[in-house]
Amino acid sequence: MATSSFQDIINSETPVLIDFWADWCQPCHMLAPIIKELKNDLGDRLRVVKIDTEKHPKLSQKFNIKGIPTMILFKEGKLLWRQSGVLPKEEIRRQIEGFL
């Protein structure tokens, strides 16, 4: 993913939840269906983008990703929320609801 297109994504007026993950990461695979359910629940109020840290190491470095999964919520280019690890869907929703 080119940095300019990534910049376009995070500059969106719709909040964007970025899921930094890797295929070898078991917790990442546990988080994937949770995020999918959250997206289904929130519909157009939230956009979700998955970034494979193995395929996009520069983006991972730019956002100082030290552990995965890491979720970062952006809106209009601003980082609003960041969390590493797996959380239950309702906990993620509770933490990001105020930004939607």
PDB file of N, CA and C in Angstrom:
ATOM      1  N   MET A   1       0.858  -1.185   0.000  1.00  0.00           N
ATOM      2  CA  MET A   1       0.000   0.000   0.000  1.00  0.00           C
ATOM      3  C   MET A   1       0.895   1.237   0.000  1.00  0.00           C
ATOM      4  N   ALA A   2       0.685   2.097  -0.934  1.00  0.00           N
ATOM      5  CA  ALA A   2       1.461   3.326  -1.012  1.00  0.00           C
ATOM      6  C   ALA A   2       1.105   4.235   0.151  1.00  0.00           C
ATOM      7  N   THR A   3       2.100   4.965   0.627  1.00  0.00           N
ATOM      8  CA  THR A   3       1.866   5.851   1.764  1.00  0.00           C
ATOM      9  C   THR A   3       0.801   6.892   1.439  1.00  0.00           C
ATOM     10  N   SER A   4       0.775   7.390   0.190  1.00  0.00           N
ATOM     11  CA  SER A   4      -0.221   8.407  -0.157  1.00  0.00           C
ATOM     12  C   SER A   4      -1.632   7.836  -0.068  1.00  0.00           C
ATOM     13  N   SER A   5      -1.843   6.602  -0.525  1.00  0.00           N
ATOM     14  CA  SER A   5      -3.179   6.022  -0.433  1.00  0.00           C
ATOM     15  C   SER A   5      -3.537   5.734   1.026  1.00  0.00           C
ATOM     16  N   PHE A   6      -2.559   5.354   1.838  1.00  0.00           N
ATOM     17  CA  PHE A   6      -2.808   5.157   3.264  1.00  0.00           C
ATOM     18  C   PHE A   6      -3.210   6.485   3.895  1.00  0.00           C
ATOM     19  N   GLN A   7      -2.524   7.556   3.527  1.00  0.00           N
ATOM     20  CA  GLN A   7      -2.843   8.885   4.043  1.00  0.00           C
ATOM     21  C   GLN A   7      -4.275   9.260   3.676  1.00  0.00           C
ATOM     22  N   ASP A   8      -4.689   8.948   2.452  1.00  0.00           N
ATOM     23  CA  ASP A   8      -6.068   9.217   2.028  1.00  0.00           C
ATOM     24  C   ASP A   8      -7.068   8.463   2.898  1.00  0.00           C
ATOM     25  N   ILE A   9      -6.733   7.220   3.221  1.00  0.00           N
ATOM     26  CA  ILE A   9      -7.616   6.387   4.046  1.00  0.00           C
ATOM     27  C   ILE A   9      -7.796   6.994   5.423  1.00  0.00           C
ATOM     28  N   ILE A  10      -6.688   7.338   6.090  1.00  0.00           N
ATOM     29  CA  ILE A  10      -6.810   7.826   7.473  1.00  0.00           C
ATOM     30  C   ILE A  10      -7.325   9.255   7.551  1.00  0.00           C
ATOM     31  N   ASN A  11      -7.301   9.989   6.441  1.00  0.00           N
ATOM     32  CA  ASN A  11      -7.843  11.352   6.432  1.00  0.00           C
ATOM     33  C   ASN A  11      -9.356  11.379   6.274  1.00  0.00           C
ATOM     34  N   SER A  12      -9.977  10.230   6.174  1.00  0.00           N
ATOM     35  CA  SER A  12     -11.418  10.116   5.978  1.00  0.00           C
ATOM     36  C   SER A  12     -12.205  10.764   7.122  1.00  0.00           C
ATOM     37  N   GLU A  13     -13.373  11.314   6.770  1.00  0.00           N
ATOM     38  CA  GLU A  13     -14.270  11.836   7.801  1.00  0.00           C
ATOM     39  C   GLU A  13     -14.913  10.692   8.581  1.00  0.00           C
ATOM     40  N   THR A  14     -15.045   9.541   7.939  1.00  0.00           N
ATOM     41  CA  THR A  14     -15.552   8.349   8.623  1.00  0.00           C
ATOM     42  C   THR A  14     -14.402   7.752   9.417  1.00  0.00           C
ATOM     43  N   PRO A  15     -14.589   7.449  10.697  1.00  0.00           N
ATOM     44  CA  PRO A  15     -13.520   6.831  11.475  1.00  0.00           C
ATOM     45  C   PRO A  15     -13.039   5.537  10.803  1.00  0.00           C
ATOM     46  N   VAL A  16     -11.717   5.336  10.842  1.00  0.00           N
ATOM     47  CA  VAL A  16     -11.095   4.176  10.219  1.00  0.00           C
ATOM     48  C   VAL A  16     -10.338   3.405  11.291  1.00  0.00           C
ATOM     49  N   LEU A  17     -10.712   2.148  11.473  1.00  0.00           N
ATOM     50  CA  LEU A  17     -10.016   1.279  12.413  1.00  0.00           C
ATOM     51  C   LEU A  17      -9.001   0.465  11.620  1.00  0.00           C
ATOM     52  N   ILE A  18      -7.721   0.697  11.895  1.00  0.00           N
ATOM     53  CA  ILE A  18      -6.652  -0.044  11.235  1.00  0.00           C
ATOM     54  C   ILE A  18      -6.277  -1.210  12.136  1.00  0.00           C
ATOM     55  N   ASP A  19      -6.278  -2.401  11.549  1.00  0.00           N
ATOM     56  CA  ASP A  19      -5.894  -3.622  12.269  1.00  0.00           C
ATOM     57  C   ASP A  19      -4.539  -4.062  11.726  1.00  0.00           C
ATOM     58  N   PHE A  20      -3.481  -3.828  12.507  1.00  0.00           N
ATOM     59  CA  PHE A  20      -2.146  -4.299  12.135  1.00  0.00           C
ATOM     60  C   PHE A  20      -2.031  -5.746  12.582  1.00  0.00           C
ATOM     61  N   TRP A  21      -1.719  -6.636  11.636  1.00  0.00           N
ATOM     62  CA  TRP A  21      -1.735  -8.066  11.905  1.00  0.00           C
ATOM     63  C   TRP A  21      -0.676  -8.763  11.050  1.00  0.00           C
ATOM     64  N   ALA A  22      -0.517 -10.075  11.276  1.00  0.00           N
ATOM     65  CA  ALA A  22       0.325 -10.923  10.425  1.00  0.00           C
ATOM     66  C   ALA A  22      -0.300 -12.309  10.394  1.00  0.00           C
ATOM     67  N   ASP A  23      -0.079 -13.015   9.304  1.00  0.00           N
ATOM     68  CA  ASP A  23      -0.696 -14.323   9.105  1.00  0.00           C
ATOM     69  C   ASP A  23      -0.251 -15.349  10.148  1.00  0.00           C
ATOM     70  N   TRP A  24       0.974 -15.235  10.638  1.00  0.00           N
ATOM     71  CA  TRP A  24       1.508 -16.209  11.595  1.00  0.00           C
ATOM     72  C   TRP A  24       1.022 -15.947  13.030  1.00  0.00           C
ATOM     73  N   CYS A  25       0.347 -14.848  13.246  1.00  0.00           N
ATOM     74  CA  CYS A  25      -0.043 -14.403  14.590  1.00  0.00           C
ATOM     75  C   CYS A  25      -1.399 -14.997  14.996  1.00  0.00           C
ATOM     76  N   GLN A  26      -1.387 -15.917  15.944  1.00  0.00           N
ATOM     77  CA  GLN A  26      -2.632 -16.555  16.382  1.00  0.00           C
ATOM     78  C   GLN A  26      -3.616 -15.566  17.021  1.00  0.00           C
ATOM     79  N   PRO A  27      -3.170 -14.668  17.907  1.00  0.00           N
ATOM     80  CA  PRO A  27      -4.113 -13.686  18.454  1.00  0.00           C
ATOM     81  C   PRO A  27      -4.747 -12.812  17.358  1.00  0.00           C
ATOM     82  N   CYS A  28      -3.994 -12.549  16.283  1.00  0.00           N
ATOM     83  CA  CYS A  28      -4.551 -11.770  15.159  1.00  0.00           C
ATOM     84  C   CYS A  28      -5.732 -12.512  14.539  1.00  0.00           C
ATOM     85  N   HIS A  29      -5.590 -13.828  14.425  1.00  0.00           N
ATOM     86  CA  HIS A  29      -6.680 -14.630  13.865  1.00  0.00           C
ATOM     87  C   HIS A  29      -7.880 -14.681  14.817  1.00  0.00           C
ATOM     88  N   MET A  30      -7.613 -14.566  16.124  1.00  0.00           N
ATOM     89  CA  MET A  30      -8.705 -14.514  17.097  1.00  0.00           C
ATOM     90  C   MET A  30      -9.448 -13.179  17.014  1.00  0.00           C
ATOM     91  N   LEU A  31      -8.704 -12.112  16.728  1.00  0.00           N
ATOM     92  CA  LEU A  31      -9.297 -10.775  16.684  1.00  0.00           C
ATOM     93  C   LEU A  31     -10.106 -10.547  15.408  1.00  0.00           C
ATOM     94  N   ALA A  32      -9.717 -11.175  14.311  1.00  0.00           N
ATOM     95  CA  ALA A  32     -10.355 -10.928  13.005  1.00  0.00           C
ATOM     96  C   ALA A  32     -11.881 -11.058  13.032  1.00  0.00           C
ATOM     97  N   PRO A  33     -12.457 -12.160  13.552  1.00  0.00           N
ATOM     98  CA  PRO A  33     -13.923 -12.244  13.563  1.00  0.00           C
ATOM     99  C   PRO A  33     -14.577 -11.231  14.502  1.00  0.00           C
ATOM    100  N   ILE A  34     -13.864 -10.826  15.543  1.00  0.00           N
ATOM    101  CA  ILE A  34     -14.386  -9.809  16.468  1.00  0.00           C
ATOM    102  C   ILE A  34     -14.527  -8.477  15.734  1.00  0.00           C
ATOM    103  N   ILE A  35     -13.501  -8.119  14.984  1.00  0.00           N
ATOM    104  CA  ILE A  35     -13.544  -6.860  14.227  1.00  0.00           C
ATOM    105  C   ILE A  35     -14.603  -6.935  13.132  1.00  0.00           C
ATOM    106  N   LYS A  36     -14.739  -8.097  12.500  1.00  0.00           N
ATOM    107  CA  LYS A  36     -15.755  -8.261  11.455  1.00  0.00           C
ATOM    108  C   LYS A  36     -17.159  -8.066  12.036  1.00  0.00           C
ATOM    109  N   GLU A  37     -17.415  -8.639  13.199  1.00  0.00           N
ATOM    110  CA  GLU A  37     -18.715  -8.458  13.866  1.00  0.00           C
ATOM    111  C   GLU A  37     -18.941  -6.995  14.222  1.00  0.00           C
ATOM    112  N   LEU A  38     -17.896  -6.348  14.734  1.00  0.00           N
ATOM    113  CA  LEU A  38     -17.991  -4.934  15.106  1.00  0.00           C
ATOM    114  C   LEU A  38     -18.347  -4.091  13.880  1.00  0.00           C
ATOM    115  N   LYS A  39     -17.688  -4.358  12.768  1.00  0.00           N
ATOM    116  CA  LYS A  39     -17.974  -3.642  11.524  1.00  0.00           C
ATOM    117  C   LYS A  39     -19.419  -3.886  11.091  1.00  0.00           C
ATOM    118  N   ASN A  40     -19.875  -5.130  11.189  1.00  0.00           N
ATOM    119  CA  ASN A  40     -21.267  -5.439  10.832  1.00  0.00           C
ATOM    120  C   ASN A  40     -22.240  -4.680  11.723  1.00  0.00           C
ATOM    121  N   ASP A  41     -21.929  -4.596  13.014  1.00  0.00           N
ATOM    122  CA  ASP A  41     -22.793  -3.882  13.960  1.00  0.00           C
ATOM    123  C   ASP A  41     -22.835  -2.378  13.667  1.00  0.00           C
ATOM    124  N   LEU A  42     -21.688  -1.802  13.317  1.00  0.00           N
ATOM    125  CA  LEU A  42     -21.588  -0.352  13.177  1.00  0.00           C
ATOM    126  C   LEU A  42     -21.830   0.136  11.747  1.00  0.00           C
ATOM    127  N   GLY A  43     -21.787  -0.755  10.789  1.00  0.00           N
ATOM    128  CA  GLY A  43     -22.095  -0.396   9.399  1.00  0.00           C
ATOM    129  C   GLY A  43     -21.239   0.740   8.874  1.00  0.00           C
ATOM    130  N   ASP A  44     -21.905   1.754   8.305  1.00  0.00           N
ATOM    131  CA  ASP A  44     -21.205   2.869   7.673  1.00  0.00           C
ATOM    132  C   ASP A  44     -20.570   3.835   8.668  1.00  0.00           C
ATOM    133  N   ARG A  45     -20.792   3.629   9.941  1.00  0.00           N
ATOM    134  CA  ARG A  45     -20.201   4.519  10.953  1.00  0.00           C
ATOM    135  C   ARG A  45     -18.715   4.268  11.137  1.00  0.00           C
ATOM    136  N   LEU A  46     -18.222   3.106  10.616  1.00  0.00           N
ATOM    137  CA  LEU A  46     -16.823   2.720  10.815  1.00  0.00           C
ATOM    138  C   LEU A  46     -16.293   2.034   9.562  1.00  0.00           C
ATOM    139  N   ARG A  47     -15.089   2.379   9.196  1.00  0.00           N
ATOM    140  CA  ARG A  47     -14.389   1.673   8.119  1.00  0.00           C
ATOM    141  C   ARG A  47     -13.272   0.863   8.768  1.00  0.00           C
ATOM    142  N   VAL A  48     -13.042  -0.348   8.274  1.00  0.00           N
ATOM    143  CA  VAL A  48     -11.997  -1.212   8.806  1.00  0.00           C
ATOM    144  C   VAL A  48     -11.001  -1.522   7.699  1.00  0.00           C
ATOM    145  N   VAL A  49      -9.714  -1.384   8.019  1.00  0.00           N
ATOM    146  CA  VAL A  49      -8.641  -1.704   7.082  1.00  0.00           C
ATOM    147  C   VAL A  49      -7.639  -2.587   7.805  1.00  0.00           C
ATOM    148  N   LYS A  50      -7.295  -3.707   7.177  1.00  0.00           N
ATOM    149  CA  LYS A  50      -6.303  -4.609   7.744  1.00  0.00           C
ATOM    150  C   LYS A  50      -4.963  -4.344   7.059  1.00  0.00           C
ATOM    151  N   ILE A  51      -3.906  -4.211   7.856  1.00  0.00           N
ATOM    152  CA  ILE A  51      -2.565  -3.995   7.331  1.00  0.00           C
ATOM    153  C   ILE A  51      -1.680  -5.147   7.795  1.00  0.00           C
ATOM    154  N   ASP A  52      -1.186  -5.920   6.844  1.00  0.00           N
ATOM    155  CA  ASP A  52      -0.276  -7.032   7.141  1.00  0.00           C
ATOM    156  C   ASP A  52       1.112  -6.437   7.407  1.00  0.00           C
ATOM    157  N   THR A  53       1.591  -6.593   8.636  1.00  0.00           N
ATOM    158  CA  THR A  53       2.868  -5.992   9.028  1.00  0.00           C
ATOM    159  C   THR A  53       4.046  -6.591   8.267  1.00  0.00           C
ATOM    160  N   GLU A  54       3.889  -7.813   7.779  1.00  0.00           N
ATOM    161  CA  GLU A  54       4.955  -8.450   7.003  1.00  0.00           C
ATOM    162  C   GLU A  54       5.046  -7.831   5.606  1.00  0.00           C
ATOM    163  N   LYS A  55       3.929  -7.451   5.044  1.00  0.00           N
ATOM    164  CA  LYS A  55       3.900  -6.894   3.687  1.00  0.00           C
ATOM    165  C   LYS A  55       4.107  -5.375   3.677  1.00  0.00           C
ATOM    166  N   HIS A  56       3.876  -4.744   4.813  1.00  0.00           N
ATOM    167  CA  HIS A  56       3.985  -3.276   4.896  1.00  0.00           C
ATOM    168  C   HIS A  56       4.819  -2.861   6.110  1.00  0.00           C
ATOM    169  N   PRO A  57       6.101  -3.258   6.130  1.00  0.00           N
ATOM    170  CA  PRO A  57       6.932  -2.954   7.308  1.00  0.00           C
ATOM    171  C   PRO A  57       7.139  -1.458   7.542  1.00  0.00           C
ATOM    172  N   LYS A  58       7.131  -0.662   6.475  1.00  0.00           N
ATOM    173  CA  LYS A  58       7.342   0.784   6.663  1.00  0.00           C
ATOM    174  C   LYS A  58       6.180   1.418   7.419  1.00  0.00           C
ATOM    175  N   LEU A  59       4.952   0.986   7.110  1.00  0.00           N
ATOM    176  CA  LEU A  59       3.796   1.507   7.853  1.00  0.00           C
ATOM    177  C   LEU A  59       3.857   1.061   9.307  1.00  0.00           C
ATOM    178  N   SER A  60       4.278  -0.187   9.523  1.00  0.00           N
ATOM    179  CA  SER A  60       4.405  -0.699  10.885  1.00  0.00           C
ATOM    180  C   SER A  60       5.426   0.118  11.669  1.00  0.00           C
ATOM    181  N   GLN A  61       6.533   0.449  11.027  1.00  0.00           N
ATOM    182  CA  GLN A  61       7.559   1.268  11.678  1.00  0.00           C
ATOM    183  C   GLN A  61       7.049   2.674  11.939  1.00  0.00           C
ATOM    184  N   LYS A  62       6.355   3.232  10.950  1.00  0.00           N
ATOM    185  CA  LYS A  62       5.844   4.606  11.083  1.00  0.00           C
ATOM    186  C   LYS A  62       4.956   4.747  12.319  1.00  0.00           C
ATOM    187  N   PHE A  63       4.163   3.711  12.598  1.00  0.00           N
ATOM    188  CA  PHE A  63       3.251   3.778  13.743  1.00  0.00           C
ATOM    189  C   PHE A  63       3.780   3.021  14.956  1.00  0.00           C
ATOM    190  N   ASN A  64       5.071   2.692  14.926  1.00  0.00           N
ATOM    191  CA  ASN A  64       5.751   2.102  16.077  1.00  0.00           C
ATOM    192  C   ASN A  64       5.028   0.847  16.579  1.00  0.00           C
ATOM    193  N   ILE A  65       4.654  -0.029  15.649  1.00  0.00           N
ATOM    194  CA  ILE A  65       3.976  -1.271  16.002  1.00  0.00           C
ATOM    195  C   ILE A  65       5.007  -2.238  16.564  1.00  0.00           C
ATOM    196  N   LYS A  66       4.908  -2.516  17.846  1.00  0.00           N
ATOM    197  CA  LYS A  66       5.856  -3.412  18.519  1.00  0.00           C
ATOM    198  C   LYS A  66       5.259  -4.794  18.751  1.00  0.00           C
ATOM    199  N   GLY A  67       3.935  -4.856  18.864  1.00  0.00           N
ATOM    200  CA  GLY A  67       3.248  -6.122  19.084  1.00  0.00           C
ATOM    201  C   GLY A  67       1.982  -6.149  18.264  1.00  0.00           C
ATOM    202  N   ILE A  68       1.598  -7.344  17.866  1.00  0.00           N
ATOM    203  CA  ILE A  68       0.366  -7.476  17.087  1.00  0.00           C
ATOM    204  C   ILE A  68      -0.522  -8.516  17.739  1.00  0.00           C
ATOM    205  N   PRO A  69      -1.819  -8.379  17.582  1.00  0.00           N
ATOM    206  CA  PRO A  69      -2.502  -7.349  16.818  1.00  0.00           C
ATOM    207  C   PRO A  69      -2.471  -5.998  17.526  1.00  0.00           C
ATOM    208  N   THR A  70      -2.432  -4.949  16.736  1.00  0.00           N
ATOM    209  CA  THR A  70      -2.581  -3.581  17.236  1.00  0.00           C
ATOM    210  C   THR A  70      -3.652  -2.902  16.404  1.00  0.00           C
ATOM    211  N   MET A  71      -4.601  -2.291  17.083  1.00  0.00           N
ATOM    212  CA  MET A  71      -5.677  -1.542  16.429  1.00  0.00           C
ATOM    213  C   MET A  71      -5.440  -0.052  16.670  1.00  0.00           C
ATOM    214  N   ILE A  72      -5.600   0.732  15.602  1.00  0.00           N
ATOM    215  CA  ILE A  72      -5.486   2.187  15.721  1.00  0.00           C
ATOM    216  C   ILE A  72      -6.696   2.802  15.023  1.00  0.00           C
ATOM    217  N   LEU A  73      -7.353   3.723  15.710  1.00  0.00           N
ATOM    218  CA  LEU A  73      -8.510   4.408  15.153  1.00  0.00           C
ATOM    219  C   LEU A  73      -8.108   5.815  14.719  1.00  0.00           C
ATOM    220  N   PHE A  74      -8.391   6.127  13.452  1.00  0.00           N
ATOM    221  CA  PHE A  74      -8.118   7.446  12.899  1.00  0.00           C
ATOM    222  C   PHE A  74      -9.417   8.091  12.442  1.00  0.00           C
ATOM    223  N   LYS A  75      -9.430   9.415  12.485  1.00  0.00           N
ATOM    224  CA  LYS A  75     -10.511  10.191  11.876  1.00  0.00           C
ATOM    225  C   LYS A  75      -9.908  11.515  11.439  1.00  0.00           C
ATOM    226  N   GLU A  76     -10.112  11.847  10.171  1.00  0.00           N
ATOM    227  CA  GLU A  76      -9.586  13.097   9.616  1.00  0.00           C
ATOM    228  C   GLU A  76      -8.090  13.243   9.892  1.00  0.00           C
ATOM    229  N   GLY A  77      -7.358  12.125   9.778  1.00  0.00           N
ATOM    230  CA  GLY A  77      -5.907  12.132   9.931  1.00  0.00           C
ATOM    231  C   GLY A  77      -5.402  12.118  11.363  1.00  0.00           C
ATOM    232  N   LYS A  78      -6.313  12.170  12.331  1.00  0.00           N
ATOM    233  CA  LYS A  78      -5.900  12.185  13.742  1.00  0.00           C
ATOM    234  C   LYS A  78      -6.002  10.796  14.355  1.00  0.00           C
ATOM    235  N   LEU A  79      -4.959  10.408  15.072  1.00  0.00           N
ATOM    236  CA  LEU A  79      -4.976   9.158  15.815  1.00  0.00           C
ATOM    237  C   LEU A  79      -5.817   9.391  17.072  1.00  0.00           C
ATOM    238  N   LEU A  80      -6.927   8.653  17.197  1.00  0.00           N
ATOM    239  CA  LEU A  80      -7.863   8.865  18.304  1.00  0.00           C
ATOM    240  C   LEU A  80      -7.749   7.811  19.397  1.00  0.00           C
ATOM    241  N   TRP A  81      -7.348   6.599  19.008  1.00  0.00           N
ATOM    242  CA  TRP A  81      -7.352   5.481  19.960  1.00  0.00           C
ATOM    243  C   TRP A  81      -6.383   4.428  19.460  1.00  0.00           C
ATOM    244  N   ARG A  82      -5.724   3.754  20.394  1.00  0.00           N
ATOM    245  CA  ARG A  82      -4.768   2.707  20.033  1.00  0.00           C
ATOM    246  C   ARG A  82      -4.808   1.630  21.106  1.00  0.00           C
ATOM    247  N   GLN A  83      -4.787   0.380  20.649  1.00  0.00           N
ATOM    248  CA  GLN A  83      -4.841  -0.740  21.586  1.00  0.00           C
ATOM    249  C   GLN A  83      -4.125  -1.944  20.972  1.00  0.00           C
ATOM    250  N   SER A  84      -3.286  -2.580  21.761  1.00  0.00           N
ATOM    251  CA  SER A  84      -2.655  -3.825  21.327  1.00  0.00           C
ATOM    252  C   SER A  84      -3.313  -4.986  22.042  1.00  0.00           C
ATOM    253  N   GLY A  85      -3.349  -6.133  21.371  1.00  0.00           N
ATOM    254  CA  GLY A  85      -3.922  -7.330  21.967  1.00  0.00           C
ATOM    255  C   GLY A  85      -5.364  -7.541  21.554  1.00  0.00           C
ATOM    256  N   VAL A  86      -5.910  -8.655  22.027  1.00  0.00           N
ATOM    257  CA  VAL A  86      -7.284  -9.032  21.704  1.00  0.00           C
ATOM    258  C   VAL A  86      -8.206  -8.559  22.816  1.00  0.00           C
ATOM    259  N   LEU A  87      -9.276  -7.888  22.425  1.00  0.00           N
ATOM    260  CA  LEU A  87     -10.306  -7.456  23.374  1.00  0.00           C
ATOM    261  C   LEU A  87     -11.646  -7.993  22.906  1.00  0.00           C
ATOM    262  N   PRO A  88     -12.596  -8.198  23.824  1.00  0.00           N
ATOM    263  CA  PRO A  88     -13.947  -8.573  23.411  1.00  0.00           C
ATOM    264  C   PRO A  88     -14.575  -7.444  22.579  1.00  0.00           C
ATOM    265  N   LYS A  89     -15.473  -7.807  21.694  1.00  0.00           N
ATOM    266  CA  LYS A  89     -16.119  -6.840  20.796  1.00  0.00           C
ATOM    267  C   LYS A  89     -16.735  -5.684  21.573  1.00  0.00           C
ATOM    268  N   GLU A  90     -17.465  -5.992  22.633  1.00  0.00           N
ATOM    269  CA  GLU A  90     -18.143  -4.928  23.380  1.00  0.00           C
ATOM    270  C   GLU A  90     -17.155  -3.958  24.026  1.00  0.00           C
ATOM    271  N   GLU A  91     -15.992  -4.450  24.419  1.00  0.00           N
ATOM    272  CA  GLU A  91     -14.978  -3.574  25.011  1.00  0.00           C
ATOM    273  C   GLU A  91     -14.396  -2.635  23.944  1.00  0.00           C
ATOM    274  N   ILE A  92     -14.115  -3.162  22.769  1.00  0.00           N
ATOM    275  CA  ILE A  92     -13.621  -2.314  21.675  1.00  0.00           C
ATOM    276  C   ILE A  92     -14.680  -1.264  21.343  1.00  0.00           C
ATOM    277  N   ARG A  93     -15.912  -1.718  21.211  1.00  0.00           N
ATOM    278  CA  ARG A  93     -17.008  -0.789  20.875  1.00  0.00           C
ATOM    279  C   ARG A  93     -17.142   0.300  21.935  1.00  0.00           C
ATOM    280  N   ARG A  94     -17.081  -0.085  23.201  1.00  0.00           N
ATOM    281  CA  ARG A  94     -17.206   0.892  24.290  1.00  0.00           C
ATOM    282  C   ARG A  94     -16.095   1.942  24.202  1.00  0.00           C
ATOM    283  N   GLN A  95     -14.886   1.490  23.874  1.00  0.00           N
ATOM    284  CA  GLN A  95     -13.748   2.422  23.826  1.00  0.00           C
ATOM    285  C   GLN A  95     -13.776   3.361  22.625  1.00  0.00           C
ATOM    286  N   ILE A  96     -14.332   2.903  21.484  1.00  0.00           N
ATOM    287  CA  ILE A  96     -14.305   3.759  20.291  1.00  0.00           C
ATOM    288  C   ILE A  96     -15.627   4.478  20.029  1.00  0.00           C
ATOM    289  N   GLU A  97     -16.687   4.093  20.728  1.00  0.00           N
ATOM    290  CA  GLU A  97     -18.029   4.655  20.459  1.00  0.00           C
ATOM    291  C   GLU A  97     -18.056   6.178  20.456  1.00  0.00           C
ATOM    292  N   GLY A  98     -17.355   6.786  21.377  1.00  0.00           N
ATOM    293  CA  GLY A  98     -17.358   8.243  21.472  1.00  0.00           C
ATOM    294  C   GLY A  98     -16.727   8.955  20.283  1.00  0.00           C
ATOM    295  N   PHE A  99     -15.942   8.224  19.488  1.00  0.00           N
ATOM    296  CA  PHE A  99     -15.273   8.818  18.327  1.00  0.00           C
ATOM    297  C   PHE A  99     -16.087   8.657  17.044  1.00  0.00           C
ATOM    298  N   LEU A 100     -17.183   7.879  17.108  1.00  0.00           N
ATOM    299  CA  LEU A 100     -17.948   7.592  15.886  1.00  0.00           C
ATOM    300  C   LEU A 100     -18.984   8.663  15.609  1.00  0.00           C
TER     301      LEU A 100
END
